[in-house]
Amino acid sequence: MIKNYMELLVDEIFNEIKNSYKICNEEKCIHDIKSIALNNLPTHYFKYDTTEADKKAFLLERQRRISVLAKVAEAADIVCSKCYRKGN
């Protein structure tokens, strides 16, 4: 199965920060946050013969994680500011 490893990284970063930020827990909001972040990040797929070590290195690379964190935080600000204005 082909996987977008950026999507895995966004999921991982989101799960790490969701309790540190004021993010509502509605499934719709979580989906919107991840979608906005992913739309603002490049996709990343690996060739069939790529080693698991290379895939893990991609997920752990510090600068990439910082970039993804920034995009997830920006997306959360966009989505949650609208959500909290409605009173949720």
PDB file of N, CA and C in Angstrom:
ATOM      1  N   MET A   1       0.832  -1.180   0.000  1.00  0.00           N
ATOM      2  CA  MET A   1       0.000   0.000   0.000  1.00  0.00           C
ATOM      3  C   MET A   1       0.880   1.249   0.000  1.00  0.00           C
ATOM      4  N   ILE A   2       0.515   2.220  -0.786  1.00  0.00           N
ATOM      5  CA  ILE A   2       1.259   3.472  -0.858  1.00  0.00           C
ATOM      6  C   ILE A   2       0.791   4.391   0.273  1.00  0.00           C
ATOM      7  N   LYS A   3       1.754   4.985   0.992  1.00  0.00           N
ATOM      8  CA  LYS A   3       1.442   5.882   2.111  1.00  0.00           C
ATOM      9  C   LYS A   3       2.123   7.218   1.905  1.00  0.00           C
ATOM     10  N   ASN A   4       1.398   8.276   2.228  1.00  0.00           N
ATOM     11  CA  ASN A   4       1.986   9.604   2.286  1.00  0.00           C
ATOM     12  C   ASN A   4       2.573   9.748   3.694  1.00  0.00           C
ATOM     13  N   TYR A   5       3.883   9.720   3.785  1.00  0.00           N
ATOM     14  CA  TYR A   5       4.525   9.777   5.099  1.00  0.00           C
ATOM     15  C   TYR A   5       4.357  11.133   5.771  1.00  0.00           C
ATOM     16  N   MET A   6       4.053  12.156   5.015  1.00  0.00           N
ATOM     17  CA  MET A   6       3.771  13.453   5.625  1.00  0.00           C
ATOM     18  C   MET A   6       2.470  13.369   6.430  1.00  0.00           C
ATOM     19  N   GLU A   7       1.525  12.573   5.946  1.00  0.00           N
ATOM     20  CA  GLU A   7       0.280  12.387   6.669  1.00  0.00           C
ATOM     21  C   GLU A   7       0.529  11.683   8.013  1.00  0.00           C
ATOM     22  N   LEU A   8       1.394  10.693   8.000  1.00  0.00           N
ATOM     23  CA  LEU A   8       1.753  10.026   9.255  1.00  0.00           C
ATOM     24  C   LEU A   8       2.416  10.992  10.228  1.00  0.00           C
ATOM     25  N   LEU A   9       3.260  11.863   9.700  1.00  0.00           N
ATOM     26  CA  LEU A   9       3.956  12.830  10.544  1.00  0.00           C
ATOM     27  C   LEU A   9       2.984  13.866  11.115  1.00  0.00           C
ATOM     28  N   VAL A  10       2.041  14.333  10.306  1.00  0.00           N
ATOM     29  CA  VAL A  10       1.035  15.280  10.799  1.00  0.00           C
ATOM     30  C   VAL A  10       0.210  14.633  11.913  1.00  0.00           C
ATOM     31  N   ASP A  11      -0.205  13.388  11.728  1.00  0.00           N
ATOM     32  CA  ASP A  11      -0.955  12.680  12.774  1.00  0.00           C
ATOM     33  C   ASP A  11      -0.140  12.595  14.066  1.00  0.00           C
ATOM     34  N   GLU A  12       1.126  12.246  13.927  1.00  0.00           N
ATOM     35  CA  GLU A  12       1.996  12.100  15.087  1.00  0.00           C
ATOM     36  C   GLU A  12       2.175  13.431  15.825  1.00  0.00           C
ATOM     37  N   ILE A  13       2.467  14.495  15.079  1.00  0.00           N
ATOM     38  CA  ILE A  13       2.661  15.817  15.686  1.00  0.00           C
ATOM     39  C   ILE A  13       1.359  16.302  16.329  1.00  0.00           C
ATOM     40  N   PHE A  14       0.246  16.122  15.629  1.00  0.00           N
ATOM     41  CA  PHE A  14      -1.044  16.544  16.182  1.00  0.00           C
ATOM     42  C   PHE A  14      -1.298  15.863  17.523  1.00  0.00           C
ATOM     43  N   ASN A  15      -1.069  14.559  17.580  1.00  0.00           N
ATOM     44  CA  ASN A  15      -1.300  13.822  18.821  1.00  0.00           C
ATOM     45  C   ASN A  15      -0.372  14.277  19.951  1.00  0.00           C
ATOM     46  N   GLU A  16       0.813  14.734  19.597  1.00  0.00           N
ATOM     47  CA  GLU A  16       1.748  15.225  20.612  1.00  0.00           C
ATOM     48  C   GLU A  16       1.328  16.574  21.181  1.00  0.00           C
ATOM     49  N   ILE A  17       0.691  17.419  20.369  1.00  0.00           N
ATOM     50  CA  ILE A  17       0.403  18.787  20.819  1.00  0.00           C
ATOM     51  C   ILE A  17      -1.051  19.051  21.182  1.00  0.00           C
ATOM     52  N   LYS A  18      -1.936  18.138  20.894  1.00  0.00           N
ATOM     53  CA  LYS A  18      -3.366  18.420  21.059  1.00  0.00           C
ATOM     54  C   LYS A  18      -3.747  18.810  22.482  1.00  0.00           C
ATOM     55  N   ASN A  19      -3.023  18.336  23.460  1.00  0.00           N
ATOM     56  CA  ASN A  19      -3.343  18.689  24.842  1.00  0.00           C
ATOM     57  C   ASN A  19      -2.661  19.972  25.299  1.00  0.00           C
ATOM     58  N   SER A  20      -1.682  20.441  24.532  1.00  0.00           N
ATOM     59  CA  SER A  20      -0.958  21.656  24.891  1.00  0.00           C
ATOM     60  C   SER A  20      -1.603  22.912  24.307  1.00  0.00           C
ATOM     61  N   TYR A  21      -2.418  22.740  23.276  1.00  0.00           N
ATOM     62  CA  TYR A  21      -3.084  23.862  22.620  1.00  0.00           C
ATOM     63  C   TYR A  21      -4.567  23.805  22.911  1.00  0.00           C
ATOM     64  N   LYS A  22      -5.225  24.944  22.769  1.00  0.00           N
ATOM     65  CA  LYS A  22      -6.669  24.994  22.948  1.00  0.00           C
ATOM     66  C   LYS A  22      -7.321  24.519  21.647  1.00  0.00           C
ATOM     67  N   ILE A  23      -7.467  23.211  21.529  1.00  0.00           N
ATOM     68  CA  ILE A  23      -8.027  22.586  20.334  1.00  0.00           C
ATOM     69  C   ILE A  23      -9.292  21.856  20.748  1.00  0.00           C
ATOM     70  N   CYS A  24     -10.392  22.145  20.049  1.00  0.00           N
ATOM     71  CA  CYS A  24     -11.617  21.434  20.388  1.00  0.00           C
ATOM     72  C   CYS A  24     -11.482  19.973  19.969  1.00  0.00           C
ATOM     73  N   ASN A  25     -12.270  19.131  20.573  1.00  0.00           N
ATOM     74  CA  ASN A  25     -12.149  17.697  20.348  1.00  0.00           C
ATOM     75  C   ASN A  25     -13.155  17.155  19.346  1.00  0.00           C
ATOM     76  N   GLU A  26     -13.847  18.026  18.647  1.00  0.00           N
ATOM     77  CA  GLU A  26     -14.799  17.565  17.645  1.00  0.00           C
ATOM     78  C   GLU A  26     -14.053  16.928  16.478  1.00  0.00           C
ATOM     79  N   GLU A  27     -14.574  15.809  16.007  1.00  0.00           N
ATOM     80  CA  GLU A  27     -13.935  15.093  14.898  1.00  0.00           C
ATOM     81  C   GLU A  27     -13.803  15.990  13.674  1.00  0.00           C
ATOM     82  N   LYS A  28     -14.801  16.812  13.422  1.00  0.00           N
ATOM     83  CA  LYS A  28     -14.773  17.723  12.272  1.00  0.00           C
ATOM     84  C   LYS A  28     -13.600  18.689  12.374  1.00  0.00           C
ATOM     85  N   CYS A  29     -13.381  19.252  13.541  1.00  0.00           N
ATOM     86  CA  CYS A  29     -12.296  20.210  13.742  1.00  0.00           C
ATOM     87  C   CYS A  29     -10.928  19.533  13.590  1.00  0.00           C
ATOM     88  N   ILE A  30     -10.804  18.347  14.162  1.00  0.00           N
ATOM     89  CA  ILE A  30      -9.542  17.613  14.049  1.00  0.00           C
ATOM     90  C   ILE A  30      -9.248  17.306  12.589  1.00  0.00           C
ATOM     91  N   HIS A  31     -10.255  16.854  11.865  1.00  0.00           N
ATOM     92  CA  HIS A  31     -10.100  16.570  10.428  1.00  0.00           C
ATOM     93  C   HIS A  31      -9.695  17.829   9.668  1.00  0.00           C
ATOM     94  N   ASP A  32     -10.350  18.950   9.964  1.00  0.00           N
ATOM     95  CA  ASP A  32     -10.043  20.213   9.280  1.00  0.00           C
ATOM     96  C   ASP A  32      -8.612  20.677   9.577  1.00  0.00           C
ATOM     97  N   ILE A  33      -8.186  20.554  10.813  1.00  0.00           N
ATOM     98  CA  ILE A  33      -6.817  20.955  11.184  1.00  0.00           C
ATOM     99  C   ILE A  33      -5.799  20.147  10.390  1.00  0.00           C
ATOM    100  N   LYS A  34      -5.972  18.837  10.386  1.00  0.00           N
ATOM    101  CA  LYS A  34      -5.031  17.977   9.669  1.00  0.00           C
ATOM    102  C   LYS A  34      -5.074  18.250   8.161  1.00  0.00           C
ATOM    103  N   SER A  35      -6.261  18.471   7.622  1.00  0.00           N
ATOM    104  CA  SER A  35      -6.395  18.740   6.185  1.00  0.00           C
ATOM    105  C   SER A  35      -5.703  20.037   5.790  1.00  0.00           C
ATOM    106  N   ILE A  36      -5.913  21.081   6.562  1.00  0.00           N
ATOM    107  CA  ILE A  36      -5.281  22.373   6.263  1.00  0.00           C
ATOM    108  C   ILE A  36      -3.760  22.245   6.346  1.00  0.00           C
ATOM    109  N   ALA A  37      -3.278  21.589   7.393  1.00  0.00           N
ATOM    110  CA  ALA A  37      -1.827  21.406   7.534  1.00  0.00           C
ATOM    111  C   ALA A  37      -1.262  20.630   6.349  1.00  0.00           C
ATOM    112  N   LEU A  38      -1.909  19.530   5.985  1.00  0.00           N
ATOM    113  CA  LEU A  38      -1.416  18.707   4.876  1.00  0.00           C
ATOM    114  C   LEU A  38      -1.468  19.441   3.541  1.00  0.00           C
ATOM    115  N   ASN A  39      -2.456  20.282   3.353  1.00  0.00           N
ATOM    116  CA  ASN A  39      -2.544  21.054   2.110  1.00  0.00           C
ATOM    117  C   ASN A  39      -1.431  22.083   1.995  1.00  0.00           C
ATOM    118  N   ASN A  40      -0.799  22.391   3.112  1.00  0.00           N
ATOM    119  CA  ASN A  40       0.285  23.367   3.118  1.00  0.00           C
ATOM    120  C   ASN A  40       1.667  22.729   3.306  1.00  0.00           C
ATOM    121  N   LEU A  41       1.720  21.423   3.173  1.00  0.00           N
ATOM    122  CA  LEU A  41       2.978  20.681   3.277  1.00  0.00           C
ATOM    123  C   LEU A  41       3.159  19.819   2.028  1.00  0.00           C
ATOM    124  N   PRO A  42       4.400  19.554   1.659  1.00  0.00           N
ATOM    125  CA  PRO A  42       4.620  18.688   0.491  1.00  0.00           C
ATOM    126  C   PRO A  42       4.321  17.221   0.831  1.00  0.00           C
ATOM    127  N   THR A  43       3.813  16.498  -0.133  1.00  0.00           N
ATOM    128  CA  THR A  43       3.611  15.068   0.073  1.00  0.00           C
ATOM    129  C   THR A  43       4.965  14.359   0.039  1.00  0.00           C
ATOM    130  N   HIS A  44       5.008  13.191   0.634  1.00  0.00           N
ATOM    131  CA  HIS A  44       6.260  12.430   0.592  1.00  0.00           C
ATOM    132  C   HIS A  44       5.953  10.932   0.573  1.00  0.00           C
ATOM    133  N   TYR A  45       6.329  10.314  -0.529  1.00  0.00           N
ATOM    134  CA  TYR A  45       6.156   8.877  -0.700  1.00  0.00           C
ATOM    135  C   TYR A  45       7.531   8.249  -0.872  1.00  0.00           C
ATOM    136  N   PHE A  46       7.666   7.008  -0.449  1.00  0.00           N
ATOM    137  CA  PHE A  46       8.919   6.290  -0.592  1.00  0.00           C
ATOM    138  C   PHE A  46       8.791   5.226  -1.665  1.00  0.00           C
ATOM    139  N   LYS A  47       9.903   4.970  -2.338  1.00  0.00           N
ATOM    140  CA  LYS A  47       9.950   3.875  -3.297  1.00  0.00           C
ATOM    141  C   LYS A  47       9.796   2.558  -2.564  1.00  0.00           C
ATOM    142  N   TYR A  48       9.436   1.547  -3.302  1.00  0.00           N
ATOM    143  CA  TYR A  48       9.174   0.219  -2.732  1.00  0.00           C
ATOM    144  C   TYR A  48      10.371  -0.329  -1.962  1.00  0.00           C
ATOM    145  N   ASP A  49      11.562  -0.081  -2.464  1.00  0.00           N
ATOM    146  CA  ASP A  49      12.754  -0.671  -1.847  1.00  0.00           C
ATOM    147  C   ASP A  49      13.399   0.197  -0.771  1.00  0.00           C
ATOM    148  N   THR A  50      12.741   1.238  -0.339  1.00  0.00           N
ATOM    149  CA  THR A  50      13.281   2.095   0.723  1.00  0.00           C
ATOM    150  C   THR A  50      13.263   1.338   2.051  1.00  0.00           C
ATOM    151  N   THR A  51      14.335   1.455   2.790  1.00  0.00           N
ATOM    152  CA  THR A  51      14.428   0.739   4.066  1.00  0.00           C
ATOM    153  C   THR A  51      13.557   1.389   5.144  1.00  0.00           C
ATOM    154  N   GLU A  52      13.211   0.604   6.125  1.00  0.00           N
ATOM    155  CA  GLU A  52      12.437   1.124   7.256  1.00  0.00           C
ATOM    156  C   GLU A  52      13.241   2.179   8.012  1.00  0.00           C
ATOM    157  N   ALA A  53      14.549   2.030   8.034  1.00  0.00           N
ATOM    158  CA  ALA A  53      15.409   3.017   8.701  1.00  0.00           C
ATOM    159  C   ALA A  53      15.300   4.374   8.018  1.00  0.00           C
ATOM    160  N   ASP A  54      15.265   4.403   6.691  1.00  0.00           N
ATOM    161  CA  ASP A  54      15.115   5.664   5.962  1.00  0.00           C
ATOM    162  C   ASP A  54      13.754   6.291   6.224  1.00  0.00           C
ATOM    163  N   LYS A  55      12.738   5.468   6.298  1.00  0.00           N
ATOM    164  CA  LYS A  55      11.388   5.979   6.579  1.00  0.00           C
ATOM    165  C   LYS A  55      11.323   6.563   7.989  1.00  0.00           C
ATOM    166  N   LYS A  56      11.937   5.868   8.939  1.00  0.00           N
ATOM    167  CA  LYS A  56      11.960   6.346  10.323  1.00  0.00           C
ATOM    168  C   LYS A  56      12.762   7.643  10.432  1.00  0.00           C
ATOM    169  N   ALA A  57      13.866   7.721   9.694  1.00  0.00           N
ATOM    170  CA  ALA A  57      14.678   8.937   9.694  1.00  0.00           C
ATOM    171  C   ALA A  57      13.872  10.125   9.171  1.00  0.00           C
ATOM    172  N   PHE A  58      13.053   9.882   8.166  1.00  0.00           N
ATOM    173  CA  PHE A  58      12.182  10.942   7.639  1.00  0.00           C
ATOM    174  C   PHE A  58      11.256  11.454   8.743  1.00  0.00           C
ATOM    175  N   LEU A  59      10.654  10.545   9.485  1.00  0.00           N
ATOM    176  CA  LEU A  59       9.706  10.926  10.531  1.00  0.00           C
ATOM    177  C   LEU A  59      10.371  11.605  11.723  1.00  0.00           C
ATOM    178  N   LEU A  60      11.653  11.354  11.932  1.00  0.00           N
ATOM    179  CA  LEU A  60      12.355  11.903  13.093  1.00  0.00           C
ATOM    180  C   LEU A  60      13.197  13.138  12.793  1.00  0.00           C
ATOM    181  N   GLU A  61      13.355  13.485  11.539  1.00  0.00           N
ATOM    182  CA  GLU A  61      14.226  14.618  11.166  1.00  0.00           C
ATOM    183  C   GLU A  61      13.725  15.900  11.824  1.00  0.00           C
ATOM    184  N   ARG A  62      14.591  16.521  12.592  1.00  0.00           N
ATOM    185  CA  ARG A  62      14.212  17.633  13.470  1.00  0.00           C
ATOM    186  C   ARG A  62      13.596  18.821  12.731  1.00  0.00           C
ATOM    187  N   GLN A  63      14.241  19.306  11.682  1.00  0.00           N
ATOM    188  CA  GLN A  63      13.732  20.483  10.980  1.00  0.00           C
ATOM    189  C   GLN A  63      12.370  20.200  10.343  1.00  0.00           C
ATOM    190  N   ARG A  64      12.191  19.000   9.828  1.00  0.00           N
ATOM    191  CA  ARG A  64      10.907  18.620   9.243  1.00  0.00           C
ATOM    192  C   ARG A  64       9.816  18.636  10.314  1.00  0.00           C
ATOM    193  N   ARG A  65      10.121  18.095  11.481  1.00  0.00           N
ATOM    194  CA  ARG A  65       9.142  18.077  12.573  1.00  0.00           C
ATOM    195  C   ARG A  65       8.767  19.497  13.005  1.00  0.00           C
ATOM    196  N   ILE A  66       9.739  20.390  13.023  1.00  0.00           N
ATOM    197  CA  ILE A  66       9.464  21.781  13.374  1.00  0.00           C
ATOM    198  C   ILE A  66       8.556  22.423  12.332  1.00  0.00           C
ATOM    199  N   SER A  67       8.821  22.159  11.064  1.00  0.00           N
ATOM    200  CA  SER A  67       7.988  22.703   9.985  1.00  0.00           C
ATOM    201  C   SER A  67       6.560  22.176  10.071  1.00  0.00           C
ATOM    202  N   VAL A  68       6.430  20.897  10.340  1.00  0.00           N
ATOM    203  CA  VAL A  68       5.092  20.304  10.462  1.00  0.00           C
ATOM    204  C   VAL A  68       4.379  20.861  11.690  1.00  0.00           C
ATOM    205  N   LEU A  69       5.088  20.997  12.788  1.00  0.00           N
ATOM    206  CA  LEU A  69       4.506  21.578  13.994  1.00  0.00           C
ATOM    207  C   LEU A  69       3.965  22.977  13.710  1.00  0.00           C
ATOM    208  N   ALA A  70       4.723  23.772  12.980  1.00  0.00           N
ATOM    209  CA  ALA A  70       4.286  25.131  12.649  1.00  0.00           C
ATOM    210  C   ALA A  70       3.004  25.105  11.818  1.00  0.00           C
ATOM    211  N   LYS A  71       2.933  24.213  10.843  1.00  0.00           N
ATOM    212  CA  LYS A  71       1.748  24.131   9.987  1.00  0.00           C
ATOM    213  C   LYS A  71       0.537  23.615  10.755  1.00  0.00           C
ATOM    214  N   VAL A  72       0.739  22.666  11.641  1.00  0.00           N
ATOM    215  CA  VAL A  72      -0.375  22.156  12.449  1.00  0.00           C
ATOM    216  C   VAL A  72      -0.870  23.250  13.395  1.00  0.00           C
ATOM    217  N   ALA A  73       0.042  23.992  13.995  1.00  0.00           N
ATOM    218  CA  ALA A  73      -0.343  25.083  14.898  1.00  0.00           C
ATOM    219  C   ALA A  73      -1.097  26.180  14.146  1.00  0.00           C
ATOM    220  N   GLU A  74      -0.629  26.523  12.954  1.00  0.00           N
ATOM    221  CA  GLU A  74      -1.334  27.518  12.133  1.00  0.00           C
ATOM    222  C   GLU A  74      -2.739  27.032  11.796  1.00  0.00           C
ATOM    223  N   ALA A  75      -2.854  25.780  11.419  1.00  0.00           N
ATOM    224  CA  ALA A  75      -4.156  25.216  11.072  1.00  0.00           C
ATOM    225  C   ALA A  75      -5.087  25.208  12.283  1.00  0.00           C
ATOM    226  N   ALA A  76      -4.542  24.867  13.443  1.00  0.00           N
ATOM    227  CA  ALA A  76      -5.347  24.865  14.669  1.00  0.00           C
ATOM    228  C   ALA A  76      -5.840  26.271  14.986  1.00  0.00           C
ATOM    229  N   ASP A  77      -4.997  27.278  14.786  1.00  0.00           N
ATOM    230  CA  ASP A  77      -5.426  28.662  15.011  1.00  0.00           C
ATOM    231  C   ASP A  77      -6.585  29.032  14.092  1.00  0.00           C
ATOM    232  N   ILE A  78      -6.502  28.639  12.840  1.00  0.00           N
ATOM    233  CA  ILE A  78      -7.556  28.950  11.870  1.00  0.00           C
ATOM    234  C   ILE A  78      -8.859  28.267  12.263  1.00  0.00           C
ATOM    235  N   VAL A  79      -8.804  26.976  12.498  1.00  0.00           N
ATOM    236  CA  VAL A  79     -10.012  26.197  12.762  1.00  0.00           C
ATOM    237  C   VAL A  79     -10.597  26.521  14.131  1.00  0.00           C
ATOM    238  N   CYS A  80      -9.764  26.535  15.140  1.00  0.00           N
ATOM    239  CA  CYS A  80     -10.270  26.691  16.501  1.00  0.00           C
ATOM    240  C   CYS A  80     -10.702  28.115  16.814  1.00  0.00           C
ATOM    241  N   SER A  81     -10.133  29.100  16.154  1.00  0.00           N
ATOM    242  CA  SER A  81     -10.602  30.470  16.389  1.00  0.00           C
ATOM    243  C   SER A  81     -12.040  30.615  15.912  1.00  0.00           C
ATOM    244  N   LYS A  82     -12.388  29.973  14.822  1.00  0.00           N
ATOM    245  CA  LYS A  82     -13.774  29.999  14.327  1.00  0.00           C
ATOM    246  C   LYS A  82     -14.669  29.189  15.244  1.00  0.00           C
ATOM    247  N   CYS A  83     -14.165  28.080  15.710  1.00  0.00           N
ATOM    248  CA  CYS A  83     -14.939  27.192  16.570  1.00  0.00           C
ATOM    249  C   CYS A  83     -15.268  27.876  17.893  1.00  0.00           C
ATOM    250  N   TYR A  84     -14.300  28.524  18.490  1.00  0.00           N
ATOM    251  CA  TYR A  84     -14.521  29.156  19.795  1.00  0.00           C
ATOM    252  C   TYR A  84     -15.322  30.444  19.696  1.00  0.00           C
ATOM    253  N   ARG A  85     -15.302  31.093  18.518  1.00  0.00           N
ATOM    254  CA  ARG A  85     -16.165  32.260  18.321  1.00  0.00           C
ATOM    255  C   ARG A  85     -17.620  31.860  18.322  1.00  0.00           C
ATOM    256  N   LYS A  86     -17.916  30.629  17.889  1.00  0.00           N
ATOM    257  CA  LYS A  86     -19.280  30.125  17.869  1.00  0.00           C
ATOM    258  C   LYS A  86     -19.743  29.713  19.267  1.00  0.00           C
ATOM    259  N   GLY A  87     -18.783  29.596  20.184  1.00  0.00           N
ATOM    260  CA  GLY A  87     -19.136  29.217  21.554  1.00  0.00           C
ATOM    261  C   GLY A  87     -18.976  27.754  21.866  1.00  0.00           C
ATOM    262  N   ASN A  88     -18.255  26.987  21.018  1.00  0.00           N
ATOM    263  CA  ASN A  88     -18.047  25.551  21.278  1.00  0.00           C
ATOM    264  C   ASN A  88     -16.933  25.346  22.268  1.00  0.00           C
TER     265      ASN A  88
END
